[in-house]
Amino acid sequence: MNYLKVSVAVVLTALAAFLIFRGKSDPLADGKRFAEYELADKDAVRRTTEKALSAIARHDMKTLFSLMERKDRMIFDSEYAEGLFAQNDFAPAKIVGISGLKRQERTFAAVDVHSDRRDRDYRFLLVPIKGSYAIVSISAR
């Protein structure tokens, strides 16, 4: 009977680990080359990023989640709400650069942000969606 409990616990743990870590793929981290291109709508990218920075400063994870491309709450919570932004020490932060990246047919907006309190740079990767932009990932540089 104990073997059955241990087996079930191991399977559930492996399943939970798979579900948590499967979404950690940052499109920039896989080593594939991106071509730079001139980003046409930097204002929309800036507005979305500033809205995200404002939400992070208020520790408003509900608003930040609404700006994400992938609406997987478990991944969002583990990576951002309980991970990168668990401590309310990110703000003040400012946008230091915006560029366009393209791979095959998919285009991205890469926004470099500097957190003054952490004294560290981060990259917000966004994709165009319905006339606006959504966040694909946020990662430390």
C-alpha atoms as a PDB file:
ATOM      1  CA  MET A   1       0.000   0.000   0.000  1.00  0.00           C
ATOM      2  CA  ASN A   2       2.876   2.397   0.783  1.00  0.00           C
ATOM      3  CA  TYR A   3       4.438   1.648  -2.610  1.00  0.00           C
ATOM      4  CA  LEU A   4       1.205   2.703  -4.270  1.00  0.00           C
ATOM      5  CA  LYS A   5       1.146   6.011  -2.355  1.00  0.00           C
ATOM      6  CA  VAL A   6       4.789   6.710  -3.188  1.00  0.00           C
ATOM      7  CA  SER A   7       4.250   5.825  -6.855  1.00  0.00           C
ATOM      8  CA  VAL A   8       1.247   8.136  -7.098  1.00  0.00           C
ATOM      9  CA  ALA A   9       3.197  10.929  -5.375  1.00  0.00           C
ATOM     10  CA  VAL A  10       6.124  10.530  -7.788  1.00  0.00           C
ATOM     11  CA  VAL A  11       3.849  10.595 -10.833  1.00  0.00           C
ATOM     12  CA  LEU A  12       1.986  13.673  -9.568  1.00  0.00           C
ATOM     13  CA  THR A  13       5.252  15.452  -8.780  1.00  0.00           C
ATOM     14  CA  ALA A  14       6.619  14.700 -12.259  1.00  0.00           C
ATOM     15  CA  LEU A  15       3.379  15.931 -13.839  1.00  0.00           C
ATOM     16  CA  ALA A  16       3.442  19.141 -11.791  1.00  0.00           C
ATOM     17  CA  ALA A  17       7.085  19.760 -12.750  1.00  0.00           C
ATOM     18  CA  PHE A  18       6.257  19.237 -16.425  1.00  0.00           C
ATOM     19  CA  LEU A  19       3.327  21.656 -16.270  1.00  0.00           C
ATOM     20  CA  ILE A  20       5.345  24.315 -14.456  1.00  0.00           C
ATOM     21  CA  PHE A  21       8.497  24.173 -16.552  1.00  0.00           C
ATOM     22  CA  ARG A  22       7.049  23.548 -20.019  1.00  0.00           C
ATOM     23  CA  GLY A  23       6.149  27.235 -20.401  1.00  0.00           C
ATOM     24  CA  LYS A  24       9.571  28.574 -19.510  1.00  0.00           C
ATOM     25  CA  SER A  25      10.712  28.736 -23.084  1.00  0.00           C
ATOM     26  CA  ASP A  26      11.850  32.242 -23.860  1.00  0.00           C
ATOM     27  CA  PRO A  27      11.869  32.600 -27.658  1.00  0.00           C
ATOM     28  CA  LEU A  28      15.207  34.402 -27.377  1.00  0.00           C
ATOM     29  CA  ALA A  29      16.834  31.683 -25.303  1.00  0.00           C
ATOM     30  CA  ASP A  30      16.808  28.864 -27.824  1.00  0.00           C
ATOM     31  CA  GLY A  31      19.880  30.185 -29.646  1.00  0.00           C
ATOM     32  CA  LYS A  32      18.198  30.710 -32.995  1.00  0.00           C
ATOM     33  CA  ARG A  33      19.100  33.853 -34.875  1.00  0.00           C
ATOM     34  CA  PHE A  34      16.798  36.817 -35.077  1.00  0.00           C
ATOM     35  CA  ALA A  35      16.934  39.479 -37.728  1.00  0.00           C
ATOM     36  CA  GLU A  36      16.418  43.046 -36.615  1.00  0.00           C
ATOM     37  CA  TYR A  37      13.798  45.094 -38.385  1.00  0.00           C
ATOM     38  CA  GLU A  38      12.390  48.596 -38.049  1.00  0.00           C
ATOM     39  CA  LEU A  39       9.515  48.452 -35.609  1.00  0.00           C
ATOM     40  CA  ALA A  40       6.660  50.508 -37.050  1.00  0.00           C
ATOM     41  CA  ASP A  41       4.559  51.126 -33.945  1.00  0.00           C
ATOM     42  CA  LYS A  42       6.943  51.865 -31.085  1.00  0.00           C
ATOM     43  CA  ASP A  43       4.258  53.956 -29.355  1.00  0.00           C
ATOM     44  CA  ALA A  44       1.948  50.942 -28.919  1.00  0.00           C
ATOM     45  CA  VAL A  45       4.875  48.859 -27.640  1.00  0.00           C
ATOM     46  CA  ARG A  46       5.812  51.643 -25.217  1.00  0.00           C
ATOM     47  CA  ARG A  47       2.198  51.961 -23.971  1.00  0.00           C
ATOM     48  CA  THR A  48       1.905  48.229 -23.295  1.00  0.00           C
ATOM     49  CA  THR A  49       5.278  48.127 -21.536  1.00  0.00           C
ATOM     50  CA  GLU A  50       4.502  51.195 -19.430  1.00  0.00           C
ATOM     51  CA  LYS A  51       1.174  49.641 -18.433  1.00  0.00           C
ATOM     52  CA  ALA A  52       3.086  46.500 -17.374  1.00  0.00           C
ATOM     53  CA  LEU A  53       5.671  48.548 -15.444  1.00  0.00           C
ATOM     54  CA  SER A  54       2.878  50.442 -13.682  1.00  0.00           C
ATOM     55  CA  ALA A  55       1.190  47.147 -12.738  1.00  0.00           C
ATOM     56  CA  ILE A  56       4.486  45.765 -11.447  1.00  0.00           C
ATOM     57  CA  ALA A  57       5.093  48.927  -9.377  1.00  0.00           C
ATOM     58  CA  ARG A  58       1.619  48.519  -7.788  1.00  0.00           C
ATOM     59  CA  HIS A  59       2.222  44.759  -7.451  1.00  0.00           C
ATOM     60  CA  ASP A  60      -0.974  44.323  -9.501  1.00  0.00           C
ATOM     61  CA  MET A  61      -0.439  40.851 -10.887  1.00  0.00           C
ATOM     62  CA  LYS A  62      -4.008  40.687 -12.234  1.00  0.00           C
ATOM     63  CA  THR A  63      -3.309  43.557 -14.670  1.00  0.00           C
ATOM     64  CA  LEU A  64       0.101  42.142 -15.578  1.00  0.00           C
ATOM     65  CA  PHE A  65      -1.490  38.742 -16.276  1.00  0.00           C
ATOM     66  CA  SER A  66      -4.048  40.402 -18.579  1.00  0.00           C
ATOM     67  CA  LEU A  67      -1.153  41.749 -20.689  1.00  0.00           C
ATOM     68  CA  MET A  68       0.381  38.310 -21.248  1.00  0.00           C
ATOM     69  CA  GLU A  69       0.053  36.474 -24.566  1.00  0.00           C
ATOM     70  CA  ARG A  70      -0.246  33.046 -22.962  1.00  0.00           C
ATOM     71  CA  LYS A  71      -3.029  32.915 -20.385  1.00  0.00           C
ATOM     72  CA  ASP A  72      -1.706  30.062 -18.251  1.00  0.00           C
ATOM     73  CA  ARG A  73      -2.190  31.134 -14.645  1.00  0.00           C
ATOM     74  CA  MET A  74      -0.028  28.392 -13.121  1.00  0.00           C
ATOM     75  CA  ILE A  75       2.972  29.300 -15.278  1.00  0.00           C
ATOM     76  CA  PHE A  76       2.410  33.028 -14.721  1.00  0.00           C
ATOM     77  CA  ASP A  77       2.242  32.571 -10.959  1.00  0.00           C
ATOM     78  CA  SER A  78       5.360  30.406 -10.774  1.00  0.00           C
ATOM     79  CA  GLU A  79       7.476  32.563 -13.115  1.00  0.00           C
ATOM     80  CA  TYR A  80       6.304  36.056 -12.257  1.00  0.00           C
ATOM     81  CA  ALA A  81       3.889  36.474  -9.311  1.00  0.00           C
ATOM     82  CA  GLU A  82       5.840  34.057  -7.090  1.00  0.00           C
ATOM     83  CA  GLY A  83       9.104  34.355  -9.016  1.00  0.00           C
ATOM     84  CA  LEU A  84      10.512  37.459 -10.684  1.00  0.00           C
ATOM     85  CA  PHE A  85       8.092  39.886  -9.013  1.00  0.00           C
ATOM     86  CA  ALA A  86       7.480  38.129  -5.686  1.00  0.00           C
ATOM     87  CA  GLN A  87       9.367  40.902  -3.916  1.00  0.00           C
ATOM     88  CA  ASN A  88       7.950  44.348  -4.523  1.00  0.00           C
ATOM     89  CA  ASP A  89      11.387  45.794  -5.379  1.00  0.00           C
ATOM     90  CA  PHE A  90      11.299  46.157  -9.170  1.00  0.00           C
ATOM     91  CA  ALA A  91      10.140  49.796  -9.381  1.00  0.00           C
ATOM     92  CA  PRO A  92      11.228  52.353 -10.280  1.00  0.00           C
ATOM     93  CA  ALA A  93      12.069  51.004 -13.704  1.00  0.00           C
ATOM     94  CA  LYS A  94      12.478  52.731 -17.043  1.00  0.00           C
ATOM     95  CA  ILE A  95      12.507  51.739 -20.691  1.00  0.00           C
ATOM     96  CA  VAL A  96      16.023  52.054 -22.079  1.00  0.00           C
ATOM     97  CA  GLY A  97      15.530  50.633 -25.568  1.00  0.00           C
ATOM     98  CA  ILE A  98      12.991  49.254 -28.027  1.00  0.00           C
ATOM     99  CA  SER A  99      13.843  47.178 -31.070  1.00  0.00           C
ATOM    100  CA  GLY A 100      12.114  44.930 -33.564  1.00  0.00           C
ATOM    101  CA  LEU A 101      13.143  41.297 -33.961  1.00  0.00           C
ATOM    102  CA  LYS A 102      11.981  38.841 -36.591  1.00  0.00           C
ATOM    103  CA  ARG A 103      12.420  35.107 -37.047  1.00  0.00           C
ATOM    104  CA  GLN A 104      10.825  33.431 -40.010  1.00  0.00           C
ATOM    105  CA  GLU A 105       7.322  34.924 -40.142  1.00  0.00           C
ATOM    106  CA  ARG A 106       6.971  35.888 -36.473  1.00  0.00           C
ATOM    107  CA  THR A 107       7.797  39.415 -35.337  1.00  0.00           C
ATOM    108  CA  PHE A 108       8.637  40.532 -31.821  1.00  0.00           C
ATOM    109  CA  ALA A 109       9.206  43.810 -30.043  1.00  0.00           C
ATOM    110  CA  ALA A 110      12.104  43.619 -27.602  1.00  0.00           C
ATOM    111  CA  VAL A 111      11.926  46.227 -24.842  1.00  0.00           C
ATOM    112  CA  ASP A 112      14.931  46.640 -22.596  1.00  0.00           C
ATOM    113  CA  VAL A 113      14.057  47.903 -19.123  1.00  0.00           C
ATOM    114  CA  HIS A 114      16.342  48.932 -16.269  1.00  0.00           C
ATOM    115  CA  SER A 115      15.210  48.404 -12.673  1.00  0.00           C
ATOM    116  CA  ASP A 116      16.861  51.086 -10.541  1.00  0.00           C
ATOM    117  CA  ARG A 117      16.328  49.363  -7.181  1.00  0.00           C
ATOM    118  CA  ARG A 118      17.635  46.041  -8.440  1.00  0.00           C
ATOM    119  CA  ASP A 119      20.274  47.741 -10.606  1.00  0.00           C
ATOM    120  CA  ARG A 120      19.614  45.142 -13.289  1.00  0.00           C
ATOM    121  CA  ASP A 121      18.381  45.053 -16.879  1.00  0.00           C
ATOM    122  CA  TYR A 122      15.398  43.036 -18.094  1.00  0.00           C
ATOM    123  CA  ARG A 123      13.946  42.263 -21.507  1.00  0.00           C
ATOM    124  CA  PHE A 124      10.231  42.338 -22.162  1.00  0.00           C
ATOM    125  CA  LEU A 125       9.426  40.424 -25.342  1.00  0.00           C
ATOM    126  CA  LEU A 126       6.118  41.387 -26.956  1.00  0.00           C
ATOM    127  CA  VAL A 127       4.129  40.252 -29.993  1.00  0.00           C
ATOM    128  CA  PRO A 128       1.554  42.182 -31.987  1.00  0.00           C
ATOM    129  CA  ILE A 129      -2.015  41.078 -31.292  1.00  0.00           C
ATOM    130  CA  LYS A 130      -5.151  42.779 -32.620  1.00  0.00           C
ATOM    131  CA  GLY A 131      -3.707  46.261 -33.056  1.00  0.00           C
ATOM    132  CA  SER A 132      -1.885  46.173 -29.737  1.00  0.00           C
ATOM    133  CA  TYR A 133       0.861  44.103 -28.123  1.00  0.00           C
ATOM    134  CA  ALA A 134       0.974  41.240 -25.623  1.00  0.00           C
ATOM    135  CA  ILE A 135       3.904  40.146 -23.458  1.00  0.00           C
ATOM    136  CA  VAL A 136       5.471  36.814 -24.369  1.00  0.00           C
ATOM    137  CA  SER A 137       8.135  36.798 -21.683  1.00  0.00           C
ATOM    138  CA  ILE A 138      10.054  38.906 -19.193  1.00  0.00           C
ATOM    139  CA  SER A 139      13.592  37.855 -18.403  1.00  0.00           C
ATOM    140  CA  ALA A 140      16.705  39.170 -16.702  1.00  0.00           C
ATOM    141  CA  ARG A 141      19.514  40.154 -19.038  1.00  0.00           C
END
